[in-house]
Amino acid sequence: MDTCIFCKIILKEIPKYYIYEDDSVVAFLDIHPTQKGHTLIIPKKHSDTFLETDDAVLAHSACVAKKIGKALKDAVGADGVNIITNNGLAAGQIVSHLHTHIIPRFIGDGLMHWPGGTYSSGEEQDIAEAIKKSL
């Protein structure tokens, strides 16, 4: 896709600080890091979201995320990492090319997680059944 910024990064039309590359994926430092070392992994084959991506590509991307997550944690002395894939604009996906964020985390770093909610009476069962039916 000639207008996709991530496809341009894959073609090295846009310079990045690459930290990993193989036949299927590229990983590089995020230009707007949540924490220093924040890394993006993108498949070389374009797909808009996780939900539309080939299973083999997803499996390989997960293995690379694990490898980079361990290396990133060690390299910056992080206490943990978030491995996140946003899917769709409502979920915070800004670039329509599957990408996985690996964000180093530190105890007391001030980053907040999403708030938890509750279900009303019977709602949990209804939603679980609707999801099962859609599978």
N, C-alpha and C. Protein backbone atom coordinates (compact mmCIF):
# COMPACT_ATOMS: atom_id res chain seq x y z
N MET A 1 0.85 -1.18 0.00
CA MET A 1 0.00 0.00 0.00
C MET A 1 0.89 1.24 0.00
N ASP A 2 0.86 1.99 -1.08
CA ASP A 2 1.79 3.09 -1.26
C ASP A 2 1.56 4.28 -0.32
N THR A 3 0.41 4.37 0.35
CA THR A 3 0.18 5.49 1.26
C THR A 3 0.36 5.10 2.73
N CYS A 4 0.59 3.85 3.02
CA CYS A 4 0.74 3.38 4.39
C CYS A 4 2.14 3.73 4.91
N ILE A 5 2.18 4.49 5.99
CA ILE A 5 3.47 4.90 6.55
C ILE A 5 4.30 3.70 7.00
N PHE A 6 3.65 2.66 7.51
CA PHE A 6 4.41 1.50 7.95
C PHE A 6 4.95 0.71 6.76
N CYS A 7 4.21 0.67 5.66
CA CYS A 7 4.74 0.03 4.45
C CYS A 7 5.96 0.79 3.95
N LYS A 8 5.95 2.11 4.07
CA LYS A 8 7.11 2.92 3.67
C LYS A 8 8.29 2.64 4.59
N ILE A 9 8.02 2.43 5.87
CA ILE A 9 9.09 2.09 6.81
C ILE A 9 9.69 0.73 6.46
N ILE A 10 8.84 -0.23 6.12
CA ILE A 10 9.30 -1.56 5.72
C ILE A 10 10.22 -1.47 4.50
N LEU A 11 9.86 -0.59 3.56
CA LEU A 11 10.67 -0.40 2.34
C LEU A 11 11.88 0.49 2.59
N LYS A 12 12.04 0.95 3.83
CA LYS A 12 13.15 1.82 4.24
C LYS A 12 13.14 3.16 3.52
N GLU A 13 11.93 3.61 3.12
CA GLU A 13 11.77 4.94 2.55
C GLU A 13 11.76 5.99 3.66
N ILE A 14 11.49 5.55 4.88
CA ILE A 14 11.50 6.42 6.05
C ILE A 14 12.50 5.82 7.02
N PRO A 15 13.50 6.60 7.42
CA PRO A 15 14.51 6.04 8.33
C PRO A 15 13.96 5.82 9.73
N LYS A 16 14.40 4.75 10.35
CA LYS A 16 14.00 4.38 11.71
C LYS A 16 15.19 3.75 12.40
N TYR A 17 15.10 3.64 13.72
CA TYR A 17 16.10 2.89 14.48
C TYR A 17 15.60 1.46 14.58
N TYR A 18 15.98 0.66 13.56
CA TYR A 18 15.56 -0.73 13.49
C TYR A 18 16.30 -1.54 14.54
N ILE A 19 15.57 -2.43 15.21
CA ILE A 19 16.23 -3.30 16.18
C ILE A 19 16.11 -4.77 15.82
N TYR A 20 15.23 -5.09 14.84
CA TYR A 20 15.07 -6.49 14.44
C TYR A 20 14.42 -6.52 13.07
N GLU A 21 14.85 -7.49 12.26
CA GLU A 21 14.20 -7.72 10.97
C GLU A 21 14.43 -9.15 10.55
N ASP A 22 13.39 -9.76 9.99
CA ASP A 22 13.52 -11.07 9.35
C ASP A 22 12.65 -11.05 8.10
N ASP A 23 12.36 -12.20 7.53
CA ASP A 23 11.58 -12.24 6.29
C ASP A 23 10.14 -11.78 6.47
N SER A 24 9.62 -11.83 7.69
CA SER A 24 8.20 -11.55 7.93
C SER A 24 7.89 -10.26 8.66
N VAL A 25 8.79 -9.82 9.54
CA VAL A 25 8.50 -8.66 10.39
C VAL A 25 9.70 -7.72 10.51
N VAL A 26 9.38 -6.49 10.91
CA VAL A 26 10.38 -5.49 11.22
C VAL A 26 10.03 -4.92 12.59
N ALA A 27 11.04 -4.62 13.41
CA ALA A 27 10.81 -3.97 14.69
C ALA A 27 11.72 -2.75 14.78
N PHE A 28 11.16 -1.67 15.31
CA PHE A 28 11.90 -0.41 15.40
C PHE A 28 11.37 0.39 16.59
N LEU A 29 12.16 1.37 17.02
CA LEU A 29 11.75 2.22 18.12
C LEU A 29 10.62 3.14 17.69
N ASP A 30 9.61 3.28 18.54
CA ASP A 30 8.48 4.16 18.28
C ASP A 30 8.96 5.61 18.31
N ILE A 31 8.48 6.42 17.36
CA ILE A 31 8.89 7.82 17.27
C ILE A 31 8.32 8.66 18.42
N HIS A 32 7.22 8.22 19.02
CA HIS A 32 6.60 8.90 20.15
C HIS A 32 6.49 7.91 21.31
N PRO A 33 7.62 7.58 21.95
CA PRO A 33 7.62 6.51 22.95
C PRO A 33 6.86 6.86 24.22
N THR A 34 6.10 5.88 24.71
CA THR A 34 5.46 5.98 26.02
C THR A 34 6.52 5.90 27.10
N GLN A 35 7.52 5.08 26.88
CA GLN A 35 8.70 4.94 27.73
C GLN A 35 9.90 4.79 26.79
N LYS A 36 11.09 5.14 27.25
CA LYS A 36 12.28 4.95 26.43
C LYS A 36 12.45 3.46 26.13
N GLY A 37 12.61 3.14 24.85
CA GLY A 37 12.71 1.75 24.42
C GLY A 37 11.43 1.22 23.80
N HIS A 38 10.32 1.96 23.90
CA HIS A 38 9.03 1.57 23.32
C HIS A 38 9.27 1.16 21.86
N THR A 39 8.93 -0.07 21.56
CA THR A 39 9.22 -0.67 20.26
C THR A 39 7.93 -1.08 19.55
N LEU A 40 7.94 -0.98 18.23
CA LEU A 40 6.83 -1.46 17.40
C LEU A 40 7.31 -2.63 16.57
N ILE A 41 6.48 -3.66 16.46
CA ILE A 41 6.72 -4.79 15.56
C ILE A 41 5.63 -4.73 14.50
N ILE A 42 6.03 -4.75 13.23
CA ILE A 42 5.05 -4.73 12.15
C ILE A 42 5.34 -5.85 11.14
N PRO A 43 4.29 -6.54 10.71
CA PRO A 43 4.48 -7.54 9.65
C PRO A 43 4.80 -6.85 8.33
N LYS A 44 5.63 -7.48 7.54
CA LYS A 44 5.96 -6.92 6.23
C LYS A 44 4.78 -7.01 5.27
N LYS A 45 3.96 -8.03 5.43
CA LYS A 45 2.77 -8.16 4.60
C LYS A 45 1.67 -7.30 5.22
N HIS A 46 1.16 -6.35 4.46
CA HIS A 46 0.17 -5.41 4.98
C HIS A 46 -1.15 -6.10 5.32
N SER A 47 -1.65 -5.79 6.49
CA SER A 47 -3.04 -6.07 6.87
C SER A 47 -3.41 -4.97 7.86
N ASP A 48 -4.66 -4.59 7.87
CA ASP A 48 -5.07 -3.46 8.69
C ASP A 48 -5.03 -3.74 10.19
N THR A 49 -5.55 -4.90 10.61
CA THR A 49 -5.64 -5.18 12.03
C THR A 49 -5.27 -6.63 12.34
N PHE A 50 -5.11 -6.91 13.60
CA PHE A 50 -4.87 -8.24 14.12
C PHE A 50 -5.95 -9.20 13.65
N LEU A 51 -7.19 -8.74 13.63
CA LEU A 51 -8.33 -9.59 13.30
C LEU A 51 -8.36 -10.01 11.84
N GLU A 52 -7.61 -9.32 10.99
CA GLU A 52 -7.59 -9.61 9.55
C GLU A 52 -6.30 -10.27 9.09
N THR A 53 -5.39 -10.51 10.01
CA THR A 53 -4.06 -10.98 9.66
C THR A 53 -3.99 -12.50 9.64
N ASP A 54 -3.20 -13.02 8.73
CA ASP A 54 -2.96 -14.45 8.60
C ASP A 54 -2.45 -15.04 9.92
N ASP A 55 -2.97 -16.20 10.30
CA ASP A 55 -2.60 -16.83 11.57
C ASP A 55 -1.09 -17.09 11.70
N ALA A 56 -0.46 -17.50 10.61
CA ALA A 56 0.98 -17.77 10.67
C ALA A 56 1.77 -16.50 10.96
N VAL A 57 1.34 -15.39 10.38
CA VAL A 57 2.00 -14.10 10.62
C VAL A 57 1.81 -13.70 12.09
N LEU A 58 0.59 -13.91 12.60
CA LEU A 58 0.33 -13.59 14.01
C LEU A 58 1.19 -14.43 14.94
N ALA A 59 1.30 -15.71 14.65
CA ALA A 59 2.10 -16.60 15.50
C ALA A 59 3.56 -16.17 15.49
N HIS A 60 4.08 -15.87 14.33
CA HIS A 60 5.47 -15.44 14.24
C HIS A 60 5.67 -14.10 14.95
N SER A 61 4.75 -13.17 14.76
CA SER A 61 4.84 -11.86 15.42
C SER A 61 4.84 -12.02 16.94
N ALA A 62 4.04 -12.93 17.46
CA ALA A 62 4.00 -13.17 18.91
C ALA A 62 5.35 -13.70 19.41
N CYS A 63 5.96 -14.59 18.64
CA CYS A 63 7.28 -15.11 19.03
C CYS A 63 8.34 -14.01 19.02
N VAL A 64 8.27 -13.14 18.02
CA VAL A 64 9.22 -12.02 17.95
C VAL A 64 8.95 -11.05 19.10
N ALA A 65 7.68 -10.80 19.42
CA ALA A 65 7.35 -9.91 20.55
C ALA A 65 7.92 -10.45 21.85
N LYS A 66 7.84 -11.75 22.03
CA LYS A 66 8.40 -12.37 23.24
C LYS A 66 9.91 -12.15 23.30
N LYS A 67 10.58 -12.41 22.18
CA LYS A 67 12.04 -12.25 22.11
C LYS A 67 12.44 -10.80 22.38
N ILE A 68 11.77 -9.87 21.74
CA ILE A 68 12.11 -8.46 21.91
C ILE A 68 11.71 -7.99 23.30
N GLY A 69 10.58 -8.47 23.81
CA GLY A 69 10.16 -8.10 25.16
C GLY A 69 11.21 -8.44 26.19
N LYS A 70 11.78 -9.65 26.09
CA LYS A 70 12.83 -10.07 27.02
C LYS A 70 14.07 -9.18 26.88
N ALA A 71 14.48 -8.94 25.62
CA ALA A 71 15.67 -8.13 25.37
C ALA A 71 15.47 -6.69 25.83
N LEU A 72 14.30 -6.14 25.57
CA LEU A 72 14.00 -4.77 25.96
C LEU A 72 13.99 -4.62 27.47
N LYS A 73 13.36 -5.56 28.14
CA LYS A 73 13.31 -5.54 29.61
C LYS A 73 14.73 -5.52 30.19
N ASP A 74 15.60 -6.38 29.66
CA ASP A 74 16.99 -6.44 30.12
C ASP A 74 17.75 -5.16 29.77
N ALA A 75 17.57 -4.68 28.55
CA ALA A 75 18.35 -3.54 28.05
C ALA A 75 18.09 -2.26 28.83
N VAL A 76 16.84 -2.03 29.23
CA VAL A 76 16.51 -0.77 29.93
C VAL A 76 16.27 -0.97 31.41
N GLY A 77 16.41 -2.20 31.89
CA GLY A 77 16.22 -2.49 33.31
C GLY A 77 14.78 -2.35 33.77
N ALA A 78 13.84 -2.68 32.88
CA ALA A 78 12.42 -2.55 33.20
C ALA A 78 11.97 -3.63 34.17
N ASP A 79 10.91 -3.32 34.92
CA ASP A 79 10.31 -4.29 35.84
C ASP A 79 9.32 -5.21 35.13
N GLY A 80 8.86 -4.80 33.96
CA GLY A 80 7.90 -5.58 33.18
C GLY A 80 7.73 -4.94 31.82
N VAL A 81 6.86 -5.51 30.98
CA VAL A 81 6.55 -4.93 29.67
C VAL A 81 5.07 -5.11 29.39
N ASN A 82 4.51 -4.14 28.67
CA ASN A 82 3.19 -4.30 28.08
C ASN A 82 3.40 -4.70 26.64
N ILE A 83 2.66 -5.70 26.19
CA ILE A 83 2.66 -6.09 24.78
C ILE A 83 1.22 -5.90 24.32
N ILE A 84 1.02 -4.89 23.46
CA ILE A 84 -0.33 -4.41 23.14
C ILE A 84 -0.53 -4.28 21.64
N THR A 85 -1.68 -4.71 21.16
CA THR A 85 -2.09 -4.48 19.79
C THR A 85 -3.47 -3.85 19.82
N ASN A 86 -3.57 -2.61 19.33
CA ASN A 86 -4.86 -1.93 19.23
C ASN A 86 -5.49 -2.29 17.89
N ASN A 87 -6.79 -2.52 17.89
CA ASN A 87 -7.47 -2.96 16.67
C ASN A 87 -8.67 -2.06 16.38
N GLY A 88 -8.48 -1.16 15.43
CA GLY A 88 -9.53 -0.22 15.04
C GLY A 88 -9.39 1.11 15.76
N LEU A 89 -9.94 2.14 15.15
CA LEU A 89 -9.84 3.50 15.67
C LEU A 89 -10.40 3.60 17.09
N ALA A 90 -11.54 2.96 17.36
CA ALA A 90 -12.14 3.03 18.69
C ALA A 90 -11.24 2.43 19.76
N ALA A 91 -10.33 1.54 19.37
CA ALA A 91 -9.42 0.90 20.31
C ALA A 91 -8.07 1.62 20.39
N GLY A 92 -7.95 2.75 19.70
CA GLY A 92 -6.73 3.54 19.76
C GLY A 92 -5.74 3.28 18.64
N GLN A 93 -6.13 2.51 17.62
CA GLN A 93 -5.23 2.27 16.49
C GLN A 93 -5.22 3.48 15.59
N ILE A 94 -4.05 4.09 15.42
CA ILE A 94 -3.92 5.30 14.61
C ILE A 94 -3.49 4.96 13.19
N VAL A 95 -2.56 4.02 13.03
CA VAL A 95 -2.08 3.60 11.72
C VAL A 95 -2.76 2.29 11.35
N SER A 96 -3.39 2.25 10.18
CA SER A 96 -4.12 1.06 9.73
C SER A 96 -3.17 0.04 9.09
N HIS A 97 -2.26 -0.45 9.88
CA HIS A 97 -1.36 -1.54 9.52
C HIS A 97 -1.08 -2.22 10.85
N LEU A 98 -1.33 -3.52 10.93
CA LEU A 98 -1.12 -4.23 12.18
C LEU A 98 0.24 -3.87 12.77
N HIS A 99 0.24 -3.51 14.05
CA HIS A 99 1.49 -3.27 14.76
C HIS A 99 1.30 -3.60 16.23
N THR A 100 2.36 -4.12 16.80
CA THR A 100 2.36 -4.50 18.20
C THR A 100 3.31 -3.60 18.95
N HIS A 101 2.83 -3.01 20.03
CA HIS A 101 3.65 -2.16 20.89
C HIS A 101 4.28 -3.02 21.97
N ILE A 102 5.56 -2.82 22.21
CA ILE A 102 6.23 -3.41 23.37
C ILE A 102 6.74 -2.22 24.19
N ILE A 103 6.14 -2.05 25.35
CA ILE A 103 6.40 -0.88 26.18
C ILE A 103 7.03 -1.33 27.50
N PRO A 104 8.26 -0.87 27.76
CA PRO A 104 8.86 -1.22 29.05
C PRO A 104 8.11 -0.52 30.18
N ARG A 105 7.97 -1.22 31.30
CA ARG A 105 7.25 -0.67 32.45
C ARG A 105 8.12 -0.74 33.69
N PHE A 106 7.92 0.25 34.54
CA PHE A 106 8.69 0.37 35.77
C PHE A 106 7.72 0.57 36.93
N ILE A 107 8.02 -0.04 38.06
CA ILE A 107 7.20 0.15 39.26
C ILE A 107 7.12 1.66 39.54
N GLY A 108 5.90 2.18 39.68
CA GLY A 108 5.71 3.60 39.99
C GLY A 108 5.92 4.54 38.81
N ASP A 109 5.86 4.02 37.56
CA ASP A 109 6.11 4.89 36.41
C ASP A 109 4.95 5.85 36.09
N GLY A 110 3.82 5.67 36.77
CA GLY A 110 2.71 6.60 36.59
C GLY A 110 1.78 6.29 35.44
N LEU A 111 2.11 5.30 34.60
CA LEU A 111 1.21 4.93 33.52
C LEU A 111 0.02 4.20 34.11
N MET A 112 -1.16 4.53 33.63
CA MET A 112 -2.38 3.96 34.18
C MET A 112 -2.94 2.87 33.26
N HIS A 113 -3.53 1.88 33.86
CA HIS A 113 -4.24 0.85 33.11
C HIS A 113 -5.70 1.26 32.98
N TRP A 114 -6.43 0.59 32.09
CA TRP A 114 -7.84 0.93 31.94
C TRP A 114 -8.60 0.52 33.19
N PRO A 115 -9.69 1.25 33.47
CA PRO A 115 -10.47 0.94 34.68
C PRO A 115 -11.31 -0.32 34.48
N GLY A 116 -11.55 -1.03 35.55
CA GLY A 116 -12.42 -2.21 35.51
C GLY A 116 -13.86 -1.79 35.72
N GLY A 117 -14.76 -2.56 35.23
CA GLY A 117 -16.19 -2.27 35.38
C GLY A 117 -16.91 -3.44 36.00
N THR A 118 -18.22 -3.40 35.93
CA THR A 118 -19.05 -4.50 36.44
C THR A 118 -20.17 -4.78 35.45
N TYR A 119 -20.77 -5.94 35.60
CA TYR A 119 -21.94 -6.32 34.81
C TYR A 119 -23.18 -6.17 35.67
N SER A 120 -24.28 -5.83 35.03
CA SER A 120 -25.56 -5.84 35.75
C SER A 120 -26.05 -7.28 35.83
N SER A 121 -27.05 -7.52 36.62
CA SER A 121 -27.58 -8.86 36.85
C SER A 121 -27.97 -9.53 35.53
N GLY A 122 -27.37 -10.68 35.25
CA GLY A 122 -27.68 -11.46 34.05
C GLY A 122 -26.93 -11.02 32.80
N GLU A 123 -26.33 -9.85 32.82
CA GLU A 123 -25.66 -9.31 31.63
C GLU A 123 -24.43 -10.12 31.24
N GLU A 124 -23.67 -10.57 32.22
CA GLU A 124 -22.46 -11.35 31.96
C GLU A 124 -22.79 -12.62 31.20
N GLN A 125 -23.84 -13.33 31.63
CA GLN A 125 -24.25 -14.56 30.96
C GLN A 125 -24.73 -14.27 29.54
N ASP A 126 -25.50 -13.20 29.36
CA ASP A 126 -26.02 -12.85 28.04
C ASP A 126 -24.88 -12.53 27.06
N ILE A 127 -23.91 -11.80 27.53
CA ILE A 127 -22.77 -11.43 26.67
C ILE A 127 -21.94 -12.66 26.36
N ALA A 128 -21.69 -13.50 27.35
CA ALA A 128 -20.92 -14.73 27.10
C ALA A 128 -21.62 -15.59 26.05
N GLU A 129 -22.93 -15.72 26.16
CA GLU A 129 -23.68 -16.52 25.19
C GLU A 129 -23.64 -15.89 23.79
N ALA A 130 -23.73 -14.58 23.71
CA ALA A 130 -23.67 -13.89 22.40
C ALA A 130 -22.32 -14.10 21.74
N ILE A 131 -21.24 -14.04 22.53
CA ILE A 131 -19.90 -14.26 21.99
C ILE A 131 -19.76 -15.69 21.50
N LYS A 132 -20.18 -16.66 22.31
CA LYS A 132 -20.11 -18.07 21.91
C LYS A 132 -20.89 -18.32 20.62
N LYS A 133 -22.03 -17.69 20.50
CA LYS A 133 -22.86 -17.85 19.30
C LYS A 133 -22.16 -17.28 18.07
N SER A 134 -21.41 -16.19 18.25
CA SER A 134 -20.70 -15.57 17.13
C SER A 134 -19.45 -16.35 16.70
N LEU A 135 -18.96 -17.22 17.61
CA LEU A 135 -17.78 -18.02 17.24
C LEU A 135 -18.13 -19.00 16.13
